[in-house]
């Protein structure tokens, strides 16, 4: 068995390859690190001269050429924005509320992008890890790896094949207040899982319809074939009311999801399944 963990994209990335010998595992790990460095340079808004940072810096002043890799990522974001009826939105800025993605003008012929409102920025935090995880998973498949467990900071998981001792990779949704206790289990096979949510006093997810932070201690976990789709849906389903979730999921095949809400009583936090989609 080969196991390796390294820092990537402002978190840690772990790979477990149960049927890969050490020499090949080290080579795959180096290749995976190189993939993630490139993905971060392209998608992070904090890498000063990276592709996204350059777009964010210049697109308010006029059309900005977008490199091919980032262009493809942004077209994926536009597709998910449409499929989720605006619940997934990478555009941020001074404009409060509304579908801010519609304030970004794309020229598909010139492959340029321009912000049409002041103070705008693009943030790929709600999809970037999923895209990068899919890239690494494809890399390992191309190298002939038949079994793998990949974890991006524990909130995003991708697997290849099954656990060597079973017919799936059983992955639990951990209780935020009782480490080691699982509140729900997904049985993953050649698939992915992503969790988004808020801990107590740490609201950071923005509802695109209002421009306000989502409050409350809760998590949304989504499992499906694509890590990119799981990453998008874990955030999009969290920001919409429960009646809208089924309508969004009609556009995605093979999705499972669970929403867990935490409530405090007598000084103790308890998490309960509030919504389940199978």
Protein backbone atom coordinates (compact mmCIF):
# COMPACT_ATOMS: atom_id res chain seq x y z
CA UNK A 1 0.00 0.00 0.00
CA UNK A 2 1.20 3.51 -0.84
CA UNK A 3 0.08 6.52 1.23
CA UNK A 4 1.20 10.11 0.78
CA UNK A 5 -0.01 13.50 2.05
CA UNK A 6 1.18 16.90 0.89
CA UNK A 7 0.08 20.55 1.00
CA UNK A 8 -1.85 21.78 -2.03
CA UNK A 9 -4.33 24.56 -2.85
CA UNK A 10 -4.24 25.96 0.70
CA UNK A 11 -5.16 22.62 2.31
CA UNK A 12 -3.76 19.08 2.41
CA UNK A 13 -4.15 16.39 -0.20
CA UNK A 14 -3.93 12.70 0.72
CA UNK A 15 -3.75 9.72 -1.60
CA UNK A 16 -4.04 6.06 -0.63
CA UNK A 17 -3.19 3.54 -3.36
CA UNK A 18 -3.71 0.11 -1.77
CA UNK A 19 -2.35 -1.99 -4.63
CA UNK A 20 0.47 0.28 -5.79
CA UNK A 21 4.08 -0.40 -4.81
CA UNK A 22 6.14 2.43 -3.28
CA UNK A 23 8.30 3.32 -6.28
CA UNK A 24 5.35 3.78 -8.62
CA UNK A 25 3.37 5.51 -5.86
CA UNK A 26 6.08 8.12 -5.37
CA UNK A 27 6.09 8.81 -9.11
CA UNK A 28 2.31 9.19 -9.18
CA UNK A 29 2.47 11.49 -6.15
CA UNK A 30 5.00 13.77 -7.87
CA UNK A 31 2.80 13.91 -10.95
CA UNK A 32 -0.27 14.66 -8.83
CA UNK A 33 1.57 17.48 -7.05
CA UNK A 34 2.54 18.99 -10.40
CA UNK A 35 -1.09 18.82 -11.57
CA UNK A 36 -2.31 20.57 -8.42
CA UNK A 37 0.35 23.30 -8.62
CA UNK A 38 -0.80 24.06 -12.17
CA UNK A 39 -4.48 24.00 -11.16
CA UNK A 40 -3.79 26.42 -8.30
CA UNK A 41 -1.86 28.78 -10.57
CA UNK A 42 -4.79 28.79 -12.97
CA UNK A 43 -7.75 28.97 -10.55
CA UNK A 44 -6.60 30.73 -7.37
CA UNK A 45 -7.42 34.41 -7.03
CA UNK A 46 -4.58 34.68 -4.51
CA UNK A 47 -1.70 33.70 -6.84
CA UNK A 48 -0.58 37.19 -7.87
CA UNK A 49 0.29 36.46 -11.51
CA UNK A 50 -2.00 33.48 -11.97
CA UNK A 51 -4.64 33.29 -14.68
CA UNK A 52 -7.69 34.07 -12.52
CA UNK A 53 -5.90 36.78 -10.54
CA UNK A 54 -4.97 38.49 -13.82
CA UNK A 55 -8.57 38.40 -15.02
CA UNK A 56 -9.83 39.78 -11.71
CA UNK A 57 -7.29 42.60 -11.84
CA UNK A 58 -7.93 43.72 -15.43
CA UNK A 59 -11.48 42.76 -16.48
CA UNK A 60 -13.13 45.89 -15.07
CA UNK A 61 -11.10 48.00 -17.51
CA UNK A 62 -12.11 46.18 -20.72
CA UNK A 63 -12.08 42.79 -22.44
CA UNK A 64 -9.32 40.51 -21.11
CA UNK A 65 -7.96 37.47 -23.02
CA UNK A 66 -8.61 34.27 -21.09
CA UNK A 67 -6.16 31.31 -21.39
CA UNK A 68 -7.70 28.11 -22.76
CA UNK A 69 -7.62 26.15 -19.49
CA UNK A 70 -9.32 28.89 -17.48
CA UNK A 71 -11.76 29.52 -20.33
CA UNK A 72 -12.92 25.90 -20.14
CA UNK A 73 -13.30 26.15 -16.35
CA UNK A 74 -15.39 29.31 -16.66
CA UNK A 75 -17.65 27.71 -19.28
CA UNK A 76 -18.20 24.84 -16.83
CA UNK A 77 -19.14 27.42 -14.19
CA UNK A 78 -21.63 29.08 -16.58
CA UNK A 79 -23.24 25.69 -17.26
CA UNK A 80 -23.66 24.96 -13.55
CA UNK A 81 -24.99 28.49 -12.96
CA UNK A 82 -27.73 27.74 -15.47
CA UNK A 83 -28.44 24.19 -14.24
CA UNK A 84 -28.77 25.37 -10.63
CA UNK A 85 -30.96 28.36 -11.59
CA UNK A 86 -28.30 30.73 -10.24
CA UNK A 87 -27.72 28.96 -6.91
CA UNK A 88 -24.11 28.41 -8.01
CA UNK A 89 -22.46 31.75 -8.80
CA UNK A 90 -18.72 32.47 -8.92
CA UNK A 91 -19.12 36.25 -9.33
CA UNK A 92 -18.65 38.40 -6.26
CA UNK A 93 -18.53 42.14 -5.78
CA UNK A 94 -20.18 45.27 -4.53
CA UNK A 95 -23.44 44.40 -6.26
CA UNK A 96 -25.68 42.81 -3.63
CA UNK A 97 -28.05 40.07 -4.66
CA UNK A 98 -29.24 38.93 -8.07
CA UNK A 99 -27.49 36.62 -10.50
CA UNK A 100 -24.11 38.34 -10.62
CA UNK A 101 -22.71 35.85 -13.16
CA UNK A 102 -24.89 37.66 -15.67
CA UNK A 103 -22.77 40.76 -15.11
CA UNK A 104 -19.78 39.04 -16.70
CA UNK A 105 -19.62 39.41 -20.50
CA UNK A 106 -17.99 36.52 -22.38
CA UNK A 107 -16.93 36.89 -26.02
CA UNK A 108 -16.65 33.29 -27.32
CA UNK A 109 -15.04 34.36 -30.60
CA UNK A 110 -12.28 36.51 -29.12
CA UNK A 111 -12.19 34.37 -25.93
CA UNK A 112 -12.25 37.46 -23.75
CA UNK A 113 -14.09 38.37 -20.58
CA UNK A 114 -15.21 41.74 -19.20
CA UNK A 115 -16.92 42.79 -15.97
CA UNK A 116 -19.95 44.99 -16.64
CA UNK A 117 -20.36 46.20 -13.04
CA UNK A 118 -17.80 47.85 -10.74
CA UNK A 119 -16.06 46.02 -7.94
CA UNK A 120 -16.53 42.52 -9.33
CA UNK A 121 -14.30 39.48 -8.80
CA UNK A 122 -14.52 35.80 -9.73
CA UNK A 123 -14.00 33.23 -6.98
CA UNK A 124 -13.61 29.54 -7.87
CA UNK A 125 -13.61 28.39 -4.24
CA UNK A 126 -16.91 26.58 -4.75
CA UNK A 127 -15.65 24.40 -7.60
CA UNK A 128 -11.84 24.51 -7.82
CA UNK A 129 -11.04 21.58 -5.54
CA UNK A 130 -13.55 19.41 -7.38
CA UNK A 131 -12.01 20.21 -10.77
CA UNK A 132 -8.50 19.54 -9.44
CA UNK A 133 -9.63 16.28 -7.82
CA UNK A 134 -11.11 15.09 -11.11
CA UNK A 135 -7.80 15.92 -12.84
CA UNK A 136 -5.78 13.83 -10.36
CA UNK A 137 -8.27 10.96 -10.52
CA UNK A 138 -8.02 10.92 -14.32
CA UNK A 139 -4.20 11.01 -14.07
CA UNK A 140 -4.23 7.88 -11.90
CA UNK A 141 -6.71 6.12 -14.19
CA UNK A 142 -4.43 6.90 -17.14
CA UNK A 143 -1.55 5.30 -15.20
CA UNK A 144 -3.60 2.12 -14.73
CA UNK A 145 -4.40 2.56 -11.02
CA UNK A 146 -7.43 0.40 -10.20
CA UNK A 147 -8.00 1.29 -6.55
CA UNK A 148 -7.46 4.66 -4.90
CA UNK A 149 -8.80 6.90 -2.14
CA UNK A 150 -8.13 10.63 -2.57
CA UNK A 151 -8.96 13.27 0.04
CA UNK A 152 -8.75 17.03 -0.36
CA UNK A 153 -8.81 18.44 3.18
CA UNK A 154 -11.41 15.79 4.16
CA UNK A 155 -14.23 17.90 2.66
CA UNK A 156 -13.72 16.57 -0.89
CA UNK A 157 -13.16 12.88 -1.59
CA UNK A 158 -12.68 10.91 -4.79
CA UNK A 159 -12.25 7.15 -5.19
CA UNK A 160 -11.24 4.74 -7.91
CA UNK A 161 -12.69 1.25 -7.86
CA UNK A 162 -13.55 -0.33 -4.53
CA UNK A 163 -11.87 -0.87 -1.18
CA UNK A 164 -9.69 -4.00 -1.45
CA UNK A 165 -11.67 -5.64 1.37
CA UNK A 166 -15.15 -4.86 0.11
CA UNK A 167 -17.40 -3.78 -2.71
CA UNK A 168 -17.16 -0.02 -2.01
CA UNK A 169 -15.32 2.68 -0.11
CA UNK A 170 -17.57 3.44 2.90
CA UNK A 171 -17.20 7.16 3.74
CA UNK A 172 -18.99 8.78 6.66
CA UNK A 173 -20.24 12.33 7.24
CA UNK A 174 -18.57 13.20 10.52
CA UNK A 175 -20.39 14.95 13.36
CA UNK A 176 -18.89 18.45 13.60
CA UNK A 177 -19.00 18.31 17.39
CA UNK A 178 -18.11 14.66 17.99
CA UNK A 179 -15.08 13.67 15.89
CA UNK A 180 -15.15 10.03 14.89
CA UNK A 181 -18.95 9.78 14.98
CA UNK A 182 -20.62 9.35 11.60
CA UNK A 183 -24.08 10.84 11.00
CA UNK A 184 -24.51 9.31 7.53
CA UNK A 185 -22.59 6.94 5.26
CA UNK A 186 -22.08 6.93 1.51
CA UNK A 187 -20.83 3.81 -0.27
CA UNK A 188 -18.54 5.17 -2.99
CA UNK A 189 -17.43 3.29 -6.12
CA UNK A 190 -15.65 5.22 -8.88
CA UNK A 191 -17.27 8.36 -7.52
CA UNK A 192 -16.81 11.43 -5.34
CA UNK A 193 -18.20 13.20 -2.30
CA UNK A 194 -18.11 16.82 -1.18
CA UNK A 195 -19.28 18.62 1.96
CA UNK A 196 -20.02 22.35 2.37
CA UNK A 197 -21.30 24.04 5.48
CA UNK A 198 -20.88 26.33 8.42
CA UNK A 199 -19.54 25.70 11.88
CA UNK A 200 -20.74 27.78 14.80
CA UNK A 201 -19.86 31.43 14.21
CA UNK A 202 -17.99 30.72 10.94
CA UNK A 203 -20.47 31.69 8.22
CA UNK A 204 -18.65 32.05 4.89
CA UNK A 205 -21.07 30.82 2.18
CA UNK A 206 -22.89 33.54 0.24
CA UNK A 207 -26.47 33.12 -1.02
CA UNK A 208 -26.31 34.55 -4.57
CA UNK A 209 -30.00 35.50 -4.50
CA UNK A 210 -29.53 37.94 -1.61
CA UNK A 211 -25.79 38.53 -1.43
CA UNK A 212 -25.99 37.62 2.29
CA UNK A 213 -24.05 35.00 4.20
CA UNK A 214 -25.81 31.72 4.95
CA UNK A 215 -26.16 31.50 8.72
CA UNK A 216 -26.82 28.55 10.96
CA UNK A 217 -24.73 25.54 11.81
CA UNK A 218 -25.39 23.03 9.02
CA UNK A 219 -23.74 20.93 6.31
CA UNK A 220 -24.73 19.64 2.88
CA UNK A 221 -22.93 16.55 1.58
CA UNK A 222 -23.30 15.33 -2.00
CA UNK A 223 -22.05 12.11 -3.62
CA UNK A 224 -22.01 11.53 -7.39
CA UNK A 225 -19.69 10.42 -10.19
CA UNK A 226 -17.94 13.76 -10.75
CA UNK A 227 -15.99 15.58 -8.03
CA UNK A 228 -16.71 18.83 -9.87
CA UNK A 229 -20.48 18.25 -9.75
CA UNK A 230 -20.32 17.18 -6.09
CA UNK A 231 -18.42 20.36 -5.18
CA UNK A 232 -20.90 22.60 -7.00
CA UNK A 233 -24.01 20.89 -5.64
CA UNK A 234 -22.85 20.78 -2.02
CA UNK A 235 -22.87 24.58 -2.03
CA UNK A 236 -25.81 25.20 -4.39
CA UNK A 237 -28.17 22.89 -2.48
CA UNK A 238 -27.19 24.51 0.80
CA UNK A 239 -28.25 28.01 -0.24
CA UNK A 240 -31.70 27.15 -1.64
CA UNK A 241 -34.85 26.15 0.27
CA UNK A 242 -35.57 22.41 0.39
CA UNK A 243 -38.45 22.57 -2.17
CA UNK A 244 -36.03 23.87 -4.84
CA UNK A 245 -33.44 21.14 -4.36
CA UNK A 246 -35.30 18.40 -6.24
CA UNK A 247 -35.79 20.73 -9.22
CA UNK A 248 -32.04 21.37 -9.41
CA UNK A 249 -31.20 17.69 -9.06
CA UNK A 250 -33.36 16.79 -12.04
CA UNK A 251 -30.46 18.14 -14.13
CA UNK A 252 -27.91 15.80 -12.51
CA UNK A 253 -27.86 11.98 -12.71
CA UNK A 254 -26.94 9.57 -9.94
CA UNK A 255 -26.75 12.08 -7.09
CA UNK A 256 -27.19 11.31 -3.40
CA UNK A 257 -27.26 14.08 -0.79
CA UNK A 258 -27.84 14.66 2.90
CA UNK A 259 -28.46 17.92 4.78
CA UNK A 260 -27.54 17.92 8.45
CA UNK A 261 -28.65 20.66 10.84
CA UNK A 262 -27.06 21.20 14.24
CA UNK A 263 -29.02 22.58 17.17
CA UNK A 264 -27.77 23.58 20.60
CA UNK A 265 -29.65 22.48 23.71
CA UNK A 266 -28.45 22.60 27.31
CA UNK A 267 -24.99 23.55 26.10
CA UNK A 268 -24.69 20.56 23.75
CA UNK A 269 -24.77 20.56 19.94
CA UNK A 270 -26.68 17.74 18.25
CA UNK A 271 -26.70 17.06 14.52
CA UNK A 272 -29.73 15.54 12.78
CA UNK A 273 -30.55 14.67 9.17
CA UNK A 274 -32.89 17.39 7.97
CA UNK A 275 -33.16 16.30 4.29
CA UNK A 276 -32.09 13.20 2.38
CA UNK A 277 -31.99 12.58 -1.40
CA UNK A 278 -31.25 9.09 -2.74
